[in-house]
mmCIF file of all heavy atoms, coordinates in Angstrom:
data_MODEL
# 
_entry.id   MODEL 
# 
loop_
_atom_site.group_PDB 
_atom_site.id 
_atom_site.type_symbol 
_atom_site.label_atom_id 
_atom_site.label_alt_id 
_atom_site.label_comp_id 
_atom_site.label_asym_id 
_atom_site.label_entity_id 
_atom_site.label_seq_id 
_atom_site.pdbx_PDB_ins_code 
_atom_site.Cartn_x 
_atom_site.Cartn_y 
_atom_site.Cartn_z 
_atom_site.occupancy 
_atom_site.B_iso_or_equiv 
_atom_site.pdbx_formal_charge 
_atom_site.auth_seq_id 
_atom_site.auth_comp_id 
_atom_site.auth_asym_id 
_atom_site.auth_atom_id 
_atom_site.pdbx_PDB_model_num 
ATOM 1   N N   . LEU A 1 1  ? 5.516   3.775  24.450  1.00 0.00 ? 1  LEU A N   1 
ATOM 2   C CA  . LEU A 1 1  ? 6.204   3.037  23.421  1.00 0.00 ? 1  LEU A CA  1 
ATOM 3   C C   . LEU A 1 1  ? 5.472   3.276  22.047  1.00 0.00 ? 1  LEU A C   1 
ATOM 4   O O   . LEU A 1 1  ? 6.150   3.498  21.010  1.00 0.00 ? 1  LEU A O   1 
ATOM 5   C CB  . LEU A 1 1  ? 6.329   1.507  23.659  1.00 0.00 ? 1  LEU A CB  1 
ATOM 6   C CG  . LEU A 1 1  ? 7.257   1.105  24.733  1.00 0.00 ? 1  LEU A CG  1 
ATOM 7   C CD1 . LEU A 1 1  ? 7.146   -0.385 25.085  1.00 0.00 ? 1  LEU A CD1 1 
ATOM 8   C CD2 . LEU A 1 1  ? 8.712   1.478  24.342  1.00 0.00 ? 1  LEU A CD2 1 
ATOM 9   N N   . ILE A 1 2  ? 4.158   3.170  22.061  1.00 0.00 ? 2  ILE A N   1 
ATOM 10  C CA  . ILE A 1 2  ? 3.360   3.507  20.833  1.00 0.00 ? 2  ILE A CA  1 
ATOM 11  C C   . ILE A 1 2  ? 3.610   4.833  20.353  1.00 0.00 ? 2  ILE A C   1 
ATOM 12  O O   . ILE A 1 2  ? 3.832   5.130  19.146  1.00 0.00 ? 2  ILE A O   1 
ATOM 13  C CB  . ILE A 1 2  ? 1.843   3.257  21.091  1.00 0.00 ? 2  ILE A CB  1 
ATOM 14  C CG1 . ILE A 1 2  ? 1.616   1.738  21.346  1.00 0.00 ? 2  ILE A CG1 1 
ATOM 15  C CG2 . ILE A 1 2  ? 1.015   3.768  20.008  1.00 0.00 ? 2  ILE A CG2 1 
ATOM 16  C CD1 . ILE A 1 2  ? 0.216   1.482  21.809  1.00 0.00 ? 2  ILE A CD1 1 
ATOM 17  N N   . SER A 1 3  ? 3.716   5.807  21.253  1.00 0.00 ? 3  SER A N   1 
ATOM 18  C CA  . SER A 1 3  ? 3.916   7.252  20.916  1.00 0.00 ? 3  SER A CA  1 
ATOM 19  C C   . SER A 1 3  ? 5.311   7.394  20.281  1.00 0.00 ? 3  SER A C   1 
ATOM 20  O O   . SER A 1 3  ? 5.402   8.136  19.290  1.00 0.00 ? 3  SER A O   1 
ATOM 21  C CB  . SER A 1 3  ? 3.767   8.188  22.124  1.00 0.00 ? 3  SER A CB  1 
ATOM 22  O OG  . SER A 1 3  ? 2.489   8.145  22.588  1.00 0.00 ? 3  SER A OG  1 
ATOM 23  N N   . ILE A 1 4  ? 6.223   6.746  20.845  1.00 0.00 ? 4  ILE A N   1 
ATOM 24  C CA  . ILE A 1 4  ? 7.722   6.878  20.394  1.00 0.00 ? 4  ILE A CA  1 
ATOM 25  C C   . ILE A 1 4  ? 7.703   6.309  18.909  1.00 0.00 ? 4  ILE A C   1 
ATOM 26  O O   . ILE A 1 4  ? 8.351   6.787  18.005  1.00 0.00 ? 4  ILE A O   1 
ATOM 27  C CB  . ILE A 1 4  ? 8.631   6.230  21.274  1.00 0.00 ? 4  ILE A CB  1 
ATOM 28  C CG1 . ILE A 1 4  ? 8.769   7.042  22.629  1.00 0.00 ? 4  ILE A CG1 1 
ATOM 29  C CG2 . ILE A 1 4  ? 9.983   6.037  20.650  1.00 0.00 ? 4  ILE A CG2 1 
ATOM 30  C CD1 . ILE A 1 4  ? 9.549   6.225  23.657  1.00 0.00 ? 4  ILE A CD1 1 
ATOM 31  N N   . ALA A 1 5  ? 7.073   5.128  18.761  1.00 0.00 ? 5  ALA A N   1 
ATOM 32  C CA  . ALA A 1 5  ? 7.052   4.464  17.436  1.00 0.00 ? 5  ALA A CA  1 
ATOM 33  C C   . ALA A 1 5  ? 6.426   5.343  16.421  1.00 0.00 ? 5  ALA A C   1 
ATOM 34  O O   . ALA A 1 5  ? 6.853   5.449  15.234  1.00 0.00 ? 5  ALA A O   1 
ATOM 35  C CB  . ALA A 1 5  ? 6.435   3.182  17.530  1.00 0.00 ? 5  ALA A CB  1 
ATOM 36  N N   . ALA A 1 6  ? 5.263   5.940  16.830  1.00 0.00 ? 6  ALA A N   1 
ATOM 37  C CA  . ALA A 1 6  ? 4.508   6.809  15.802  1.00 0.00 ? 6  ALA A CA  1 
ATOM 38  C C   . ALA A 1 6  ? 5.378   8.019  15.504  1.00 0.00 ? 6  ALA A C   1 
ATOM 39  O O   . ALA A 1 6  ? 5.351   8.496  14.348  1.00 0.00 ? 6  ALA A O   1 
ATOM 40  C CB  . ALA A 1 6  ? 3.207   7.278  16.501  1.00 0.00 ? 6  ALA A CB  1 
ATOM 41  N N   . PHE A 1 7  ? 6.035   8.565  16.562  1.00 0.00 ? 7  PHE A N   1 
ATOM 42  C CA  . PHE A 1 7  ? 6.909   9.782  16.172  1.00 0.00 ? 7  PHE A CA  1 
ATOM 43  C C   . PHE A 1 7  ? 8.033   9.398  15.193  1.00 0.00 ? 7  PHE A C   1 
ATOM 44  O O   . PHE A 1 7  ? 8.280   10.111 14.296  1.00 0.00 ? 7  PHE A O   1 
ATOM 45  C CB  . PHE A 1 7  ? 7.482   10.341 17.477  1.00 0.00 ? 7  PHE A CB  1 
ATOM 46  C CG  . PHE A 1 7  ? 8.476   11.384 17.315  1.00 0.00 ? 7  PHE A CG  1 
ATOM 47  C CD1 . PHE A 1 7  ? 8.071   12.656 17.061  1.00 0.00 ? 7  PHE A CD1 1 
ATOM 48  C CD2 . PHE A 1 7  ? 9.835   11.149 17.379  1.00 0.00 ? 7  PHE A CD2 1 
ATOM 49  C CE1 . PHE A 1 7  ? 8.947   13.731 16.907  1.00 0.00 ? 7  PHE A CE1 1 
ATOM 50  C CE2 . PHE A 1 7  ? 10.776  12.131 17.158  1.00 0.00 ? 7  PHE A CE2 1 
ATOM 51  C CZ  . PHE A 1 7  ? 10.375  13.417 16.904  1.00 0.00 ? 7  PHE A CZ  1 
ATOM 52  N N   . ASN A 1 8  ? 8.670   8.276  15.537  1.00 0.00 ? 8  ASN A N   1 
ATOM 53  C CA  . ASN A 1 8  ? 9.812   7.863  14.597  1.00 0.00 ? 8  ASN A CA  1 
ATOM 54  C C   . ASN A 1 8  ? 9.335   7.596  13.193  1.00 0.00 ? 8  ASN A C   1 
ATOM 55  O O   . ASN A 1 8  ? 9.967   7.887  12.257  1.00 0.00 ? 8  ASN A O   1 
ATOM 56  C CB  . ASN A 1 8  ? 10.521  6.566  15.210  1.00 0.00 ? 8  ASN A CB  1 
ATOM 57  C CG  . ASN A 1 8  ? 11.252  6.843  16.445  1.00 0.00 ? 8  ASN A CG  1 
ATOM 58  O OD1 . ASN A 1 8  ? 11.792  8.019  16.708  1.00 0.00 ? 8  ASN A OD1 1 
ATOM 59  N ND2 . ASN A 1 8  ? 11.470  5.902  17.287  1.00 0.00 ? 8  ASN A ND2 1 
ATOM 60  N N   . GLN A 1 9  ? 8.137   7.006  13.121  1.00 0.00 ? 9  GLN A N   1 
ATOM 61  C CA  . GLN A 1 9  ? 7.632   6.739  11.757  1.00 0.00 ? 9  GLN A CA  1 
ATOM 62  C C   . GLN A 1 9  ? 7.290   7.986  11.079  1.00 0.00 ? 9  GLN A C   1 
ATOM 63  O O   . GLN A 1 9  ? 7.638   8.150  9.818   1.00 0.00 ? 9  GLN A O   1 
ATOM 64  C CB  . GLN A 1 9  ? 6.330   5.825  11.896  1.00 0.00 ? 9  GLN A CB  1 
ATOM 65  C CG  . GLN A 1 9  ? 5.807   5.425  10.459  1.00 0.00 ? 9  GLN A CG  1 
ATOM 66  C CD  . GLN A 1 9  ? 4.578   4.548  10.640  1.00 0.00 ? 9  GLN A CD  1 
ATOM 67  O OE1 . GLN A 1 9  ? 4.089   4.296  11.709  1.00 0.00 ? 9  GLN A OE1 1 
ATOM 68  N NE2 . GLN A 1 9  ? 4.106   4.092  9.551   1.00 0.00 ? 9  GLN A NE2 1 
ATOM 69  N N   . SER A 1 10 ? 6.644   8.979  11.711  1.00 0.00 ? 10 SER A N   1 
ATOM 70  C CA  . SER A 1 10 ? 6.294   10.193 11.007  1.00 0.00 ? 10 SER A CA  1 
ATOM 71  C C   . SER A 1 10 ? 7.568   11.018 10.750  1.00 0.00 ? 10 SER A C   1 
ATOM 72  O O   . SER A 1 10 ? 7.607   11.727 9.772   1.00 0.00 ? 10 SER A O   1 
ATOM 73  C CB  . SER A 1 10 ? 5.427   11.013 11.997  1.00 0.00 ? 10 SER A CB  1 
ATOM 74  O OG  . SER A 1 10 ? 6.077   11.372 13.221  1.00 0.00 ? 10 SER A OG  1 
ATOM 75  N N   . ALA A 1 11 ? 8.584   10.883 11.563  1.00 0.00 ? 11 ALA A N   1 
ATOM 76  C CA  . ALA A 1 11 ? 9.854   11.681 11.378  1.00 0.00 ? 11 ALA A CA  1 
ATOM 77  C C   . ALA A 1 11 ? 10.589  11.195 10.154  1.00 0.00 ? 11 ALA A C   1 
ATOM 78  O O   . ALA A 1 11 ? 11.321  11.939 9.464   1.00 0.00 ? 11 ALA A O   1 
ATOM 79  C CB  . ALA A 1 11 ? 10.743  11.591 12.575  1.00 0.00 ? 11 ALA A CB  1 
ATOM 80  N N   . SER A 1 12 ? 10.448  9.857  9.882   1.00 0.00 ? 12 SER A N   1 
ATOM 81  C CA  . SER A 1 12 ? 11.171  9.307  8.735   1.00 0.00 ? 12 SER A CA  1 
ATOM 82  C C   . SER A 1 12 ? 10.371  9.288  7.473   1.00 0.00 ? 12 SER A C   1 
ATOM 83  O O   . SER A 1 12 ? 10.911  9.011  6.372   1.00 0.00 ? 12 SER A O   1 
ATOM 84  C CB  . SER A 1 12 ? 11.534  7.832  9.081   1.00 0.00 ? 12 SER A CB  1 
ATOM 85  O OG  . SER A 1 12 ? 10.485  7.041  9.254   1.00 0.00 ? 12 SER A OG  1 
ATOM 86  N N   . ALA A 1 13 ? 9.042   9.564  7.538   1.00 0.00 ? 13 ALA A N   1 
ATOM 87  C CA  . ALA A 1 13 ? 8.224   9.584  6.365   1.00 0.00 ? 13 ALA A CA  1 
ATOM 88  C C   . ALA A 1 13 ? 8.520   10.762 5.430   1.00 0.00 ? 13 ALA A C   1 
ATOM 89  O O   . ALA A 1 13 ? 8.812   11.828 6.034   1.00 0.00 ? 13 ALA A O   1 
ATOM 90  C CB  . ALA A 1 13 ? 6.668   9.609  6.780   1.00 0.00 ? 13 ALA A CB  1 
ATOM 91  N N   . PRO A 1 14 ? 8.468   10.584 4.087   1.00 0.00 ? 14 PRO A N   1 
ATOM 92  C CA  . PRO A 1 14 ? 8.729   11.672 3.252   1.00 0.00 ? 14 PRO A CA  1 
ATOM 93  C C   . PRO A 1 14 ? 7.636   12.676 3.310   1.00 0.00 ? 14 PRO A C   1 
ATOM 94  O O   . PRO A 1 14 ? 6.473   12.476 2.988   1.00 0.00 ? 14 PRO A O   1 
ATOM 95  C CB  . PRO A 1 14 ? 8.651   10.944 1.892   1.00 0.00 ? 14 PRO A CB  1 
ATOM 96  C CG  . PRO A 1 14 ? 8.884   9.522  2.117   1.00 0.00 ? 14 PRO A CG  1 
ATOM 97  C CD  . PRO A 1 14 ? 8.272   9.247  3.407   1.00 0.00 ? 14 PRO A CD  1 
ATOM 98  N N   . VAL A 1 15 ? 7.925   13.776 3.925   1.00 0.00 ? 15 VAL A N   1 
ATOM 99  C CA  . VAL A 1 15 ? 6.968   14.912 4.082   1.00 0.00 ? 15 VAL A CA  1 
ATOM 100 C C   . VAL A 1 15 ? 7.362   16.106 3.211   1.00 0.00 ? 15 VAL A C   1 
ATOM 101 O O   . VAL A 1 15 ? 8.552   16.504 3.214   1.00 0.00 ? 15 VAL A O   1 
ATOM 102 C CB  . VAL A 1 15 ? 6.883   15.304 5.584   1.00 0.00 ? 15 VAL A CB  1 
ATOM 103 C CG1 . VAL A 1 15 ? 5.857   16.476 5.745   1.00 0.00 ? 15 VAL A CG1 1 
ATOM 104 C CG2 . VAL A 1 15 ? 6.417   14.180 6.473   1.00 0.00 ? 15 VAL A CG2 1 
ATOM 105 N N   . SER A 1 16 ? 6.421   16.667 2.562   1.00 0.00 ? 16 SER A N   1 
ATOM 106 C CA  . SER A 1 16 ? 6.764   17.855 1.687   1.00 0.00 ? 16 SER A CA  1 
ATOM 107 C C   . SER A 1 16 ? 5.566   18.802 1.725   1.00 0.00 ? 16 SER A C   1 
ATOM 108 O O   . SER A 1 16 ? 4.460   18.477 2.326   1.00 0.00 ? 16 SER A O   1 
ATOM 109 C CB  . SER A 1 16 ? 7.106   17.442 0.329   1.00 0.00 ? 16 SER A CB  1 
ATOM 110 O OG  . SER A 1 16 ? 5.868   17.026 -0.368  1.00 0.00 ? 16 SER A OG  1 
ATOM 111 N N   . ASP A 1 17 ? 5.723   19.948 1.177   1.00 0.00 ? 17 ASP A N   1 
ATOM 112 C CA  . ASP A 1 17 ? 4.705   20.986 1.022   1.00 0.00 ? 17 ASP A CA  1 
ATOM 113 C C   . ASP A 1 17 ? 3.878   20.709 -0.255  1.00 0.00 ? 17 ASP A C   1 
ATOM 114 O O   . ASP A 1 17 ? 3.477   21.736 -0.834  1.00 0.00 ? 17 ASP A O   1 
ATOM 115 C CB  . ASP A 1 17 ? 5.190   22.302 1.140   1.00 0.00 ? 17 ASP A CB  1 
ATOM 116 C CG  . ASP A 1 17 ? 5.817   22.609 2.528   1.00 0.00 ? 17 ASP A CG  1 
ATOM 117 O OD1 . ASP A 1 17 ? 5.341   22.004 3.457   1.00 0.00 ? 17 ASP A OD1 1 
ATOM 118 O OD2 . ASP A 1 17 ? 6.639   23.491 2.687   1.00 0.00 ? 17 ASP A OD2 1 
ATOM 119 N N   . LEU A 1 18 ? 3.759   19.500 -0.694  1.00 0.00 ? 18 LEU A N   1 
ATOM 120 C CA  . LEU A 1 18 ? 3.195   19.207 -2.042  1.00 0.00 ? 18 LEU A CA  1 
ATOM 121 C C   . LEU A 1 18 ? 1.680   19.346 -1.951  1.00 0.00 ? 18 LEU A C   1 
ATOM 122 O O   . LEU A 1 18 ? 0.987   18.616 -1.267  1.00 0.00 ? 18 LEU A O   1 
ATOM 123 C CB  . LEU A 1 18 ? 3.570   17.734 -2.401  1.00 0.00 ? 18 LEU A CB  1 
ATOM 124 C CG  . LEU A 1 18 ? 3.104   17.232 -3.708  1.00 0.00 ? 18 LEU A CG  1 
ATOM 125 C CD1 . LEU A 1 18 ? 3.626   18.119 -4.844  1.00 0.00 ? 18 LEU A CD1 1 
ATOM 126 C CD2 . LEU A 1 18 ? 3.619   15.741 -3.938  1.00 0.00 ? 18 LEU A CD2 1 
ATOM 127 N N   . GLN A 1 19 ? 1.177   20.328 -2.717  1.00 0.00 ? 19 GLN A N   1 
ATOM 128 C CA  . GLN A 1 19 ? -0.221  20.586 -2.808  1.00 0.00 ? 19 GLN A CA  1 
ATOM 129 C C   . GLN A 1 19 ? -0.646  20.870 -4.181  1.00 0.00 ? 19 GLN A C   1 
ATOM 130 O O   . GLN A 1 19 ? 0.023   21.581 -4.875  1.00 0.00 ? 19 GLN A O   1 
ATOM 131 C CB  . GLN A 1 19 ? -0.660  21.809 -1.859  1.00 0.00 ? 19 GLN A CB  1 
ATOM 132 C CG  . GLN A 1 19 ? -0.372  21.561 -0.407  1.00 0.00 ? 19 GLN A CG  1 
ATOM 133 C CD  . GLN A 1 19 ? -0.669  22.781 0.380   1.00 0.00 ? 19 GLN A CD  1 
ATOM 134 O OE1 . GLN A 1 19 ? -1.729  23.340 0.230   1.00 0.00 ? 19 GLN A OE1 1 
ATOM 135 N NE2 . GLN A 1 19 ? 0.163   23.229 1.353   1.00 0.00 ? 19 GLN A NE2 1 
ATOM 136 N N   . TYR A 1 20 ? -1.815  20.446 -4.582  1.00 0.00 ? 20 TYR A N   1 
ATOM 137 C CA  . TYR A 1 20 ? -2.474  20.677 -5.862  1.00 0.00 ? 20 TYR A CA  1 
ATOM 138 C C   . TYR A 1 20 ? -3.791  21.385 -5.752  1.00 0.00 ? 20 TYR A C   1 
ATOM 139 O O   . TYR A 1 20 ? -4.479  21.256 -4.732  1.00 0.00 ? 20 TYR A O   1 
ATOM 140 C CB  . TYR A 1 20 ? -2.621  19.361 -6.663  1.00 0.00 ? 20 TYR A CB  1 
ATOM 141 C CG  . TYR A 1 20 ? -1.435  18.470 -6.748  1.00 0.00 ? 20 TYR A CG  1 
ATOM 142 C CD1 . TYR A 1 20 ? -1.258  17.360 -5.940  1.00 0.00 ? 20 TYR A CD1 1 
ATOM 143 C CD2 . TYR A 1 20 ? -0.402  18.723 -7.708  1.00 0.00 ? 20 TYR A CD2 1 
ATOM 144 C CE1 . TYR A 1 20 ? -0.167  16.551 -6.015  1.00 0.00 ? 20 TYR A CE1 1 
ATOM 145 C CE2 . TYR A 1 20 ? 0.733   17.935 -7.750  1.00 0.00 ? 20 TYR A CE2 1 
ATOM 146 C CZ  . TYR A 1 20 ? 0.831   16.830 -6.933  1.00 0.00 ? 20 TYR A CZ  1 
ATOM 147 O OH  . TYR A 1 20 ? 1.944   16.043 -7.029  1.00 0.00 ? 20 TYR A OH  1 
ATOM 148 N N   . THR A 1 21 ? -4.178  22.066 -6.780  1.00 0.00 ? 21 THR A N   1 
ATOM 149 C CA  . THR A 1 21 ? -5.459  22.563 -6.799  1.00 0.00 ? 21 THR A CA  1 
ATOM 150 C C   . THR A 1 21 ? -6.481  21.699 -7.428  1.00 0.00 ? 21 THR A C   1 
ATOM 151 O O   . THR A 1 21 ? -5.983  20.553 -8.036  1.00 0.00 ? 21 THR A O   1 
ATOM 152 C CB  . THR A 1 21 ? -5.532  23.939 -7.686  1.00 0.00 ? 21 THR A CB  1 
ATOM 153 O OG1 . THR A 1 21 ? -5.141  23.605 -9.015  1.00 0.00 ? 21 THR A OG1 1 
ATOM 154 C CG2 . THR A 1 21 ? -4.586  24.931 -7.079  1.00 0.00 ? 21 THR A CG2 1 
ATOM 155 N N   . SER A 1 22 ? -7.769  21.894 -7.387  1.00 0.00 ? 22 SER A N   1 
ATOM 156 C CA  . SER A 1 22 ? -8.699  20.906 -7.956  1.00 0.00 ? 22 SER A CA  1 
ATOM 157 C C   . SER A 1 22 ? -8.596  20.787 -9.425  1.00 0.00 ? 22 SER A C   1 
ATOM 158 O O   . SER A 1 22 ? -9.017  19.776 -10.043 1.00 0.00 ? 22 SER A O   1 
ATOM 159 C CB  . SER A 1 22 ? -10.205 21.449 -7.663  1.00 0.00 ? 22 SER A CB  1 
ATOM 160 O OG  . SER A 1 22 ? -10.402 22.739 -8.136  1.00 0.00 ? 22 SER A OG  1 
ATOM 161 N N   . ASP A 1 23 ? -8.001  21.775 -10.208 1.00 0.00 ? 23 ASP A N   1 
ATOM 162 C CA  . ASP A 1 23 ? -7.897  21.713 -11.570 1.00 0.00 ? 23 ASP A CA  1 
ATOM 163 C C   . ASP A 1 23 ? -6.493  21.300 -12.048 1.00 0.00 ? 23 ASP A C   1 
ATOM 164 O O   . ASP A 1 23 ? -6.075  21.430 -13.213 1.00 0.00 ? 23 ASP A O   1 
ATOM 165 C CB  . ASP A 1 23 ? -8.242  23.071 -12.291 1.00 0.00 ? 23 ASP A CB  1 
ATOM 166 C CG  . ASP A 1 23 ? -7.310  24.241 -11.688 1.00 0.00 ? 23 ASP A CG  1 
ATOM 167 O OD1 . ASP A 1 23 ? -6.617  24.005 -10.741 1.00 0.00 ? 23 ASP A OD1 1 
ATOM 168 O OD2 . ASP A 1 23 ? -7.401  25.326 -12.329 1.00 0.00 ? 23 ASP A OD2 1 
ATOM 169 N N   . GLY A 1 24 ? -5.720  20.681 -11.166 1.00 0.00 ? 24 GLY A N   1 
ATOM 170 C CA  . GLY A 1 24 ? -4.475  20.048 -11.449 1.00 0.00 ? 24 GLY A CA  1 
ATOM 171 C C   . GLY A 1 24 ? -3.240  20.918 -11.389 1.00 0.00 ? 24 GLY A C   1 
ATOM 172 O O   . GLY A 1 24 ? -2.223  20.527 -11.813 1.00 0.00 ? 24 GLY A O   1 
ATOM 173 N N   . LYS A 1 25 ? -3.399  22.156 -10.976 1.00 0.00 ? 25 LYS A N   1 
ATOM 174 C CA  . LYS A 1 25 ? -2.186  23.021 -10.809 1.00 0.00 ? 25 LYS A CA  1 
ATOM 175 C C   . LYS A 1 25 ? -1.495  22.601 -9.547  1.00 0.00 ? 25 LYS A C   1 
ATOM 176 O O   . LYS A 1 25 ? -2.041  22.045 -8.668  1.00 0.00 ? 25 LYS A O   1 
ATOM 177 C CB  . LYS A 1 25 ? -2.604  24.463 -10.871 1.00 0.00 ? 25 LYS A CB  1 
ATOM 178 C CG  . LYS A 1 25 ? -3.143  24.944 -12.140 1.00 0.00 ? 25 LYS A CG  1 
ATOM 179 C CD  . LYS A 1 25 ? -3.573  26.406 -12.066 1.00 0.00 ? 25 LYS A CD  1 
ATOM 180 C CE  . LYS A 1 25 ? -4.310  26.910 -13.312 1.00 0.00 ? 25 LYS A CE  1 
ATOM 181 N NZ  . LYS A 1 25 ? -3.452  26.912 -14.496 1.00 0.00 ? 25 LYS A NZ  1 
ATOM 182 N N   . MET A 1 26 ? -0.190  23.021 -9.473  1.00 0.00 ? 26 MET A N   1 
ATOM 183 C CA  . MET A 1 26 ? 0.576   22.773 -8.317  1.00 0.00 ? 26 MET A CA  1 
ATOM 184 C C   . MET A 1 26 ? 0.805   24.047 -7.560  1.00 0.00 ? 26 MET A C   1 
ATOM 185 O O   . MET A 1 26 ? 1.166   25.064 -8.206  1.00 0.00 ? 26 MET A O   1 
ATOM 186 C CB  . MET A 1 26 ? 1.947   22.118 -8.614  1.00 0.00 ? 26 MET A CB  1 
ATOM 187 C CG  . MET A 1 26 ? 2.802   21.755 -7.455  1.00 0.00 ? 26 MET A CG  1 
ATOM 188 S SD  . MET A 1 26 ? 4.381   20.991 -7.926  1.00 0.00 ? 26 MET A SD  1 
ATOM 189 C CE  . MET A 1 26 ? 5.072   20.815 -6.270  1.00 0.00 ? 26 MET A CE  1 
# 
């Protein structure tokens, strides 16, 4: 049940390929 809940939470969370460099570039 914990695994299923964790999967559902991760599946609904806003996930993107959003990454920045140390100097503020995207």
